Amino acid sequence: MKATPDANCREMFDRVSAYLDGELPAAECREIERHCQGCDRCAEFIDSLRHTVGLCREAGQRPLPADVRSRAKARIRELMGVALPGSTPAAPPRRRARPSASPSARATLRRQRPAGKK
């Protein structure tokens, strides 16, 4: 088994998402599987990613608890400046003030402007 990645590993990494999503032709899938039989690193990577994708799909199917859902909606409305029913509108987010230039920087900028422009 290979200990360090090579060009075949990098090529395999470029196709692993399509492989796991079943988007590759059968011949390319067999090529990746053959590579993984001789490369522990790639085999572990694919197994780990397959497991992660499965967990994400599973988590996406579970509904959020009602209290979490209502807090999330309230926070989104707050960030968007939309009032909740029966409440006062949230103040729009404040913009950060731009830092002002030092007096010496302003003087330098004035000297660099063409004549007649302020």
N, C-alpha and C. Protein backbone atom coordinates (compact mmCIF):
# COMPACT_ATOMS: atom_id res chain seq x y z
N MET A 1 0.83 -1.19 0.00
CA MET A 1 0.00 0.00 0.00
C MET A 1 0.88 1.26 0.00
N LYS A 2 0.43 2.27 -0.75
CA LYS A 2 1.20 3.51 -0.84
C LYS A 2 1.08 4.31 0.45
N ALA A 3 2.17 4.96 0.83
CA ALA A 3 2.17 5.79 2.04
C ALA A 3 2.03 7.26 1.71
N THR A 4 2.48 7.67 0.53
CA THR A 4 2.41 9.09 0.17
C THR A 4 1.57 9.25 -1.09
N PRO A 5 0.82 10.36 -1.17
CA PRO A 5 -0.02 10.59 -2.36
C PRO A 5 0.83 10.84 -3.60
N ASP A 6 0.30 10.48 -4.74
CA ASP A 6 0.97 10.73 -6.01
C ASP A 6 -0.01 11.39 -6.97
N ALA A 7 0.36 11.48 -8.23
CA ALA A 7 -0.50 12.13 -9.23
C ALA A 7 -1.85 11.42 -9.35
N ASN A 8 -1.85 10.09 -9.21
CA ASN A 8 -3.12 9.36 -9.28
C ASN A 8 -4.04 9.74 -8.12
N CYS A 9 -3.45 9.97 -6.97
CA CYS A 9 -4.25 10.38 -5.80
C CYS A 9 -4.89 11.74 -6.07
N ARG A 10 -4.10 12.68 -6.57
CA ARG A 10 -4.63 14.02 -6.84
C ARG A 10 -5.75 13.95 -7.88
N GLU A 11 -5.56 13.13 -8.90
CA GLU A 11 -6.59 12.96 -9.93
C GLU A 11 -7.86 12.35 -9.32
N MET A 12 -7.66 11.40 -8.43
CA MET A 12 -8.80 10.76 -7.77
C MET A 12 -9.54 11.77 -6.89
N PHE A 13 -8.80 12.61 -6.18
CA PHE A 13 -9.43 13.63 -5.32
C PHE A 13 -10.30 14.57 -6.14
N ASP A 14 -9.88 14.86 -7.36
CA ASP A 14 -10.66 15.75 -8.22
C ASP A 14 -12.02 15.15 -8.59
N ARG A 15 -12.12 13.82 -8.54
CA ARG A 15 -13.34 13.14 -8.97
C ARG A 15 -14.14 12.52 -7.84
N VAL A 16 -13.66 12.64 -6.61
CA VAL A 16 -14.28 11.90 -5.51
C VAL A 16 -15.72 12.34 -5.24
N SER A 17 -16.03 13.60 -5.34
CA SER A 17 -17.41 14.04 -5.10
C SER A 17 -18.36 13.45 -6.13
N ALA A 18 -17.96 13.51 -7.38
CA ALA A 18 -18.80 12.92 -8.44
C ALA A 18 -18.92 11.41 -8.24
N TYR A 19 -17.85 10.78 -7.77
CA TYR A 19 -17.87 9.34 -7.51
C TYR A 19 -18.89 9.02 -6.42
N LEU A 20 -18.83 9.75 -5.30
CA LEU A 20 -19.74 9.48 -4.19
C LEU A 20 -21.19 9.83 -4.54
N ASP A 21 -21.38 10.78 -5.42
CA ASP A 21 -22.73 11.17 -5.83
C ASP A 21 -23.28 10.28 -6.95
N GLY A 22 -22.48 9.30 -7.41
CA GLY A 22 -22.92 8.40 -8.47
C GLY A 22 -23.00 9.05 -9.83
N GLU A 23 -22.19 10.08 -10.06
CA GLU A 23 -22.24 10.83 -11.31
C GLU A 23 -21.19 10.39 -12.33
N LEU A 24 -20.33 9.45 -11.96
CA LEU A 24 -19.27 9.02 -12.89
C LEU A 24 -19.70 7.76 -13.64
N PRO A 25 -19.18 7.60 -14.84
CA PRO A 25 -19.43 6.35 -15.57
C PRO A 25 -18.83 5.16 -14.78
N ALA A 26 -19.38 3.99 -15.03
CA ALA A 26 -18.95 2.79 -14.31
C ALA A 26 -17.46 2.54 -14.44
N ALA A 27 -16.89 2.79 -15.62
CA ALA A 27 -15.46 2.55 -15.83
C ALA A 27 -14.61 3.44 -14.91
N GLU A 28 -15.01 4.69 -14.74
CA GLU A 28 -14.26 5.60 -13.86
C GLU A 28 -14.42 5.19 -12.40
N CYS A 29 -15.60 4.71 -12.04
CA CYS A 29 -15.82 4.23 -10.67
C CYS A 29 -14.91 3.04 -10.38
N ARG A 30 -14.81 2.12 -11.33
CA ARG A 30 -13.94 0.95 -11.15
C ARG A 30 -12.47 1.38 -11.02
N GLU A 31 -12.11 2.40 -11.78
CA GLU A 31 -10.74 2.92 -11.72
C GLU A 31 -10.43 3.48 -10.33
N ILE A 32 -11.35 4.24 -9.78
CA ILE A 32 -11.17 4.80 -8.44
C ILE A 32 -11.12 3.68 -7.40
N GLU A 33 -12.01 2.71 -7.52
CA GLU A 33 -12.02 1.59 -6.58
C GLU A 33 -10.73 0.78 -6.65
N ARG A 34 -10.23 0.58 -7.86
CA ARG A 34 -8.96 -0.15 -8.04
C ARG A 34 -7.82 0.64 -7.38
N HIS A 35 -7.82 1.95 -7.58
CA HIS A 35 -6.80 2.80 -6.97
C HIS A 35 -6.85 2.67 -5.44
N CYS A 36 -8.04 2.70 -4.89
CA CYS A 36 -8.19 2.65 -3.44
C CYS A 36 -7.78 1.29 -2.85
N GLN A 37 -7.84 0.25 -3.64
CA GLN A 37 -7.39 -1.06 -3.17
C GLN A 37 -5.88 -1.06 -2.90
N GLY A 38 -5.16 -0.21 -3.60
CA GLY A 38 -3.71 -0.13 -3.42
C GLY A 38 -3.26 1.12 -2.68
N CYS A 39 -4.19 1.95 -2.25
CA CYS A 39 -3.82 3.21 -1.61
C CYS A 39 -4.68 3.42 -0.35
N ASP A 40 -4.09 3.14 0.80
CA ASP A 40 -4.81 3.28 2.06
C ASP A 40 -5.30 4.70 2.31
N ARG A 41 -4.48 5.68 1.95
CA ARG A 41 -4.86 7.08 2.21
C ARG A 41 -6.13 7.45 1.45
N CYS A 42 -6.19 7.11 0.19
CA CYS A 42 -7.37 7.44 -0.61
C CYS A 42 -8.59 6.65 -0.14
N ALA A 43 -8.37 5.38 0.21
CA ALA A 43 -9.48 4.55 0.70
C ALA A 43 -10.05 5.15 1.98
N GLU A 44 -9.17 5.56 2.90
CA GLU A 44 -9.63 6.18 4.15
C GLU A 44 -10.33 7.50 3.88
N PHE A 45 -9.78 8.26 2.94
CA PHE A 45 -10.39 9.55 2.60
C PHE A 45 -11.81 9.35 2.07
N ILE A 46 -11.97 8.43 1.15
CA ILE A 46 -13.30 8.18 0.57
C ILE A 46 -14.25 7.64 1.63
N ASP A 47 -13.80 6.73 2.46
CA ASP A 47 -14.67 6.20 3.52
C ASP A 47 -15.10 7.31 4.48
N SER A 48 -14.15 8.17 4.84
CA SER A 48 -14.47 9.27 5.75
C SER A 48 -15.46 10.25 5.11
N LEU A 49 -15.22 10.57 3.86
CA LEU A 49 -16.12 11.51 3.17
C LEU A 49 -17.50 10.88 2.97
N ARG A 50 -17.54 9.60 2.64
CA ARG A 50 -18.82 8.91 2.48
C ARG A 50 -19.60 8.95 3.79
N HIS A 51 -18.91 8.73 4.90
CA HIS A 51 -19.55 8.77 6.22
C HIS A 51 -20.06 10.19 6.53
N THR A 52 -19.24 11.20 6.23
CA THR A 52 -19.63 12.60 6.48
C THR A 52 -20.85 12.98 5.65
N VAL A 53 -20.85 12.61 4.38
CA VAL A 53 -22.00 12.91 3.51
C VAL A 53 -23.25 12.24 4.06
N GLY A 54 -23.11 10.99 4.51
CA GLY A 54 -24.26 10.29 5.09
C GLY A 54 -24.80 10.99 6.33
N LEU A 55 -23.91 11.45 7.19
CA LEU A 55 -24.34 12.17 8.39
C LEU A 55 -25.06 13.47 8.02
N CYS A 56 -24.54 14.16 7.03
CA CYS A 56 -25.18 15.42 6.61
C CYS A 56 -26.57 15.16 6.03
N ARG A 57 -26.69 14.14 5.22
CA ARG A 57 -28.00 13.81 4.65
C ARG A 57 -28.98 13.42 5.75
N GLU A 58 -28.51 12.65 6.70
CA GLU A 58 -29.36 12.22 7.81
C GLU A 58 -29.79 13.41 8.66
N ALA A 59 -28.87 14.31 8.95
CA ALA A 59 -29.19 15.48 9.77
C ALA A 59 -30.18 16.39 9.06
N GLY A 60 -30.07 16.49 7.74
CA GLY A 60 -30.98 17.34 6.98
C GLY A 60 -32.40 16.82 6.93
N GLN A 61 -32.61 15.58 7.31
CA GLN A 61 -33.95 15.00 7.29
C GLN A 61 -34.67 15.13 8.62
N ARG A 62 -33.94 15.47 9.67
CA ARG A 62 -34.56 15.63 10.98
C ARG A 62 -35.08 17.05 11.14
N PRO A 63 -36.32 17.21 11.57
CA PRO A 63 -36.83 18.57 11.77
C PRO A 63 -36.20 19.19 13.02
N LEU A 64 -36.03 20.49 12.96
CA LEU A 64 -35.53 21.21 14.13
C LEU A 64 -36.61 21.25 15.21
N PRO A 65 -36.21 21.22 16.47
CA PRO A 65 -37.21 21.41 17.53
C PRO A 65 -37.87 22.78 17.36
N ALA A 66 -39.14 22.88 17.75
CA ALA A 66 -39.92 24.11 17.55
C ALA A 66 -39.26 25.33 18.16
N ASP A 67 -38.70 25.21 19.38
CA ASP A 67 -38.09 26.37 20.01
C ASP A 67 -36.84 26.84 19.26
N VAL A 68 -36.08 25.91 18.72
CA VAL A 68 -34.89 26.27 17.94
C VAL A 68 -35.32 26.95 16.64
N ARG A 69 -36.34 26.42 16.00
CA ARG A 69 -36.85 26.99 14.76
C ARG A 69 -37.37 28.42 14.98
N SER A 70 -38.12 28.64 16.07
CA SER A 70 -38.66 29.98 16.31
C SER A 70 -37.55 30.98 16.66
N ARG A 71 -36.53 30.54 17.42
CA ARG A 71 -35.41 31.44 17.73
C ARG A 71 -34.63 31.78 16.47
N ALA A 72 -34.44 30.79 15.59
CA ALA A 72 -33.71 31.04 14.35
C ALA A 72 -34.48 32.02 13.46
N LYS A 73 -35.79 31.84 13.35
CA LYS A 73 -36.60 32.76 12.53
C LYS A 73 -36.56 34.16 13.11
N ALA A 74 -36.64 34.28 14.44
CA ALA A 74 -36.61 35.60 15.07
C ALA A 74 -35.27 36.28 14.81
N ARG A 75 -34.20 35.53 14.89
CA ARG A 75 -32.86 36.10 14.67
C ARG A 75 -32.69 36.52 13.21
N ILE A 76 -33.19 35.73 12.29
CA ILE A 76 -33.11 36.10 10.88
C ILE A 76 -33.90 37.38 10.62
N ARG A 77 -35.10 37.45 11.18
CA ARG A 77 -35.90 38.68 11.00
C ARG A 77 -35.17 39.88 11.60
N GLU A 78 -34.57 39.68 12.75
CA GLU A 78 -33.83 40.77 13.40
C GLU A 78 -32.69 41.24 12.51
N LEU A 79 -31.94 40.30 11.97
CA LEU A 79 -30.81 40.66 11.11
C LEU A 79 -31.27 41.34 9.83
N MET A 80 -32.46 40.98 9.36
CA MET A 80 -32.98 41.58 8.13
C MET A 80 -33.73 42.88 8.41
N GLY A 81 -33.93 43.21 9.68
CA GLY A 81 -34.63 44.43 10.03
C GLY A 81 -36.14 44.32 9.86
N VAL A 82 -36.67 43.10 9.91
CA VAL A 82 -38.10 42.86 9.75
C VAL A 82 -38.70 42.66 11.13
N ALA A 83 -39.78 43.37 11.42
CA ALA A 83 -40.41 43.27 12.73
C ALA A 83 -41.18 41.97 12.87
N LEU A 84 -41.14 41.41 14.04
CA LEU A 84 -41.97 40.26 14.36
C LEU A 84 -43.39 40.74 14.59
N PRO A 85 -44.40 39.93 14.32
CA PRO A 85 -45.77 40.36 14.58
C PRO A 85 -45.94 40.77 16.04
N GLY A 86 -46.51 41.95 16.26
CA GLY A 86 -46.75 42.44 17.62
C GLY A 86 -45.54 43.08 18.28
N SER A 87 -44.48 43.36 17.52
CA SER A 87 -43.30 43.99 18.12
C SER A 87 -42.92 45.22 17.32
N THR A 88 -42.01 45.99 17.86
CA THR A 88 -41.54 47.18 17.15
C THR A 88 -40.42 46.78 16.21
N PRO A 89 -40.31 47.46 15.07
CA PRO A 89 -39.26 47.09 14.12
C PRO A 89 -37.87 47.24 14.73
N ALA A 90 -37.00 46.36 14.34
CA ALA A 90 -35.62 46.44 14.80
C ALA A 90 -34.93 47.57 14.07
N ALA A 91 -33.99 48.20 14.77
CA ALA A 91 -33.21 49.28 14.15
C ALA A 91 -32.33 48.67 13.07
N PRO A 92 -32.15 49.38 11.96
CA PRO A 92 -31.28 48.84 10.91
C PRO A 92 -29.86 48.69 11.44
N PRO A 93 -29.13 47.74 10.93
CA PRO A 93 -27.76 47.55 11.40
C PRO A 93 -26.93 48.79 11.18
N ARG A 94 -26.09 49.10 12.14
CA ARG A 94 -25.24 50.30 12.04
C ARG A 94 -24.03 49.99 11.18
N ARG A 95 -23.69 50.95 10.37
CA ARG A 95 -22.49 50.82 9.55
C ARG A 95 -21.31 51.32 10.36
N ARG A 96 -20.20 50.66 10.18
CA ARG A 96 -19.00 51.10 10.87
C ARG A 96 -18.46 52.34 10.18
N ALA A 97 -18.04 53.29 10.98
CA ALA A 97 -17.47 54.51 10.42
C ALA A 97 -16.10 54.21 9.83
N ARG A 98 -15.81 54.87 8.72
CA ARG A 98 -14.49 54.71 8.14
C ARG A 98 -13.49 55.47 8.99
N PRO A 99 -12.34 54.91 9.24
CA PRO A 99 -11.34 55.65 10.01
C PRO A 99 -10.89 56.86 9.22
N SER A 100 -10.69 57.97 9.92
CA SER A 100 -10.25 59.18 9.23
C SER A 100 -8.74 59.16 9.10
N ALA A 101 -8.27 59.83 8.06
CA ALA A 101 -6.84 59.90 7.82
C ALA A 101 -6.21 60.88 8.79
N SER A 102 -4.97 60.65 9.12
CA SER A 102 -4.25 61.55 10.02
C SER A 102 -3.99 62.86 9.29
N PRO A 103 -3.73 63.94 10.05
CA PRO A 103 -3.46 65.23 9.39
C PRO A 103 -2.30 65.14 8.39
N SER A 104 -1.26 64.40 8.71
CA SER A 104 -0.12 64.32 7.78
C SER A 104 -0.51 63.56 6.52
N ALA A 105 -1.36 62.54 6.64
CA ALA A 105 -1.82 61.80 5.47
C ALA A 105 -2.69 62.69 4.59
N ARG A 106 -3.57 63.49 5.22
CA ARG A 106 -4.42 64.40 4.42
C ARG A 106 -3.57 65.42 3.68
N ALA A 107 -2.52 65.93 4.34
CA ALA A 107 -1.64 66.91 3.69
C ALA A 107 -0.92 66.28 2.50
N THR A 108 -0.48 65.04 2.66
CA THR A 108 0.19 64.33 1.56
C THR A 108 -0.77 64.14 0.39
N LEU A 109 -2.00 63.75 0.68
CA LEU A 109 -2.99 63.56 -0.38
C LEU A 109 -3.28 64.87 -1.09
N ARG A 110 -3.36 65.99 -0.34
CA ARG A 110 -3.62 67.29 -0.98
C ARG A 110 -2.49 67.65 -1.93
N ARG A 111 -1.26 67.35 -1.55
CA ARG A 111 -0.11 67.69 -2.40
C ARG A 111 -0.11 66.84 -3.67
N GLN A 112 -0.70 65.62 -3.63
CA GLN A 112 -0.66 64.72 -4.78
C GLN A 112 -1.81 64.99 -5.75
N ARG A 113 -2.83 65.76 -5.37
CA ARG A 113 -3.94 66.04 -6.28
C ARG A 113 -3.50 67.04 -7.34
N PRO A 114 -4.04 66.89 -8.55
CA PRO A 114 -3.75 67.88 -9.61
C PRO A 114 -4.30 69.24 -9.22
N ALA A 115 -3.70 70.27 -9.71
CA ALA A 115 -4.13 71.64 -9.42
C ALA A 115 -5.57 71.84 -9.84
N GLY A 116 -6.33 72.57 -9.06
CA GLY A 116 -7.71 72.87 -9.38
C GLY A 116 -8.70 71.86 -8.87
N LYS A 117 -8.27 70.74 -8.28
CA LYS A 117 -9.17 69.72 -7.73
C LYS A 117 -9.06 69.73 -6.22
N LYS A 118 -10.19 69.63 -5.57
CA LYS A 118 -10.20 69.61 -4.11
C LYS A 118 -10.60 68.27 -3.60
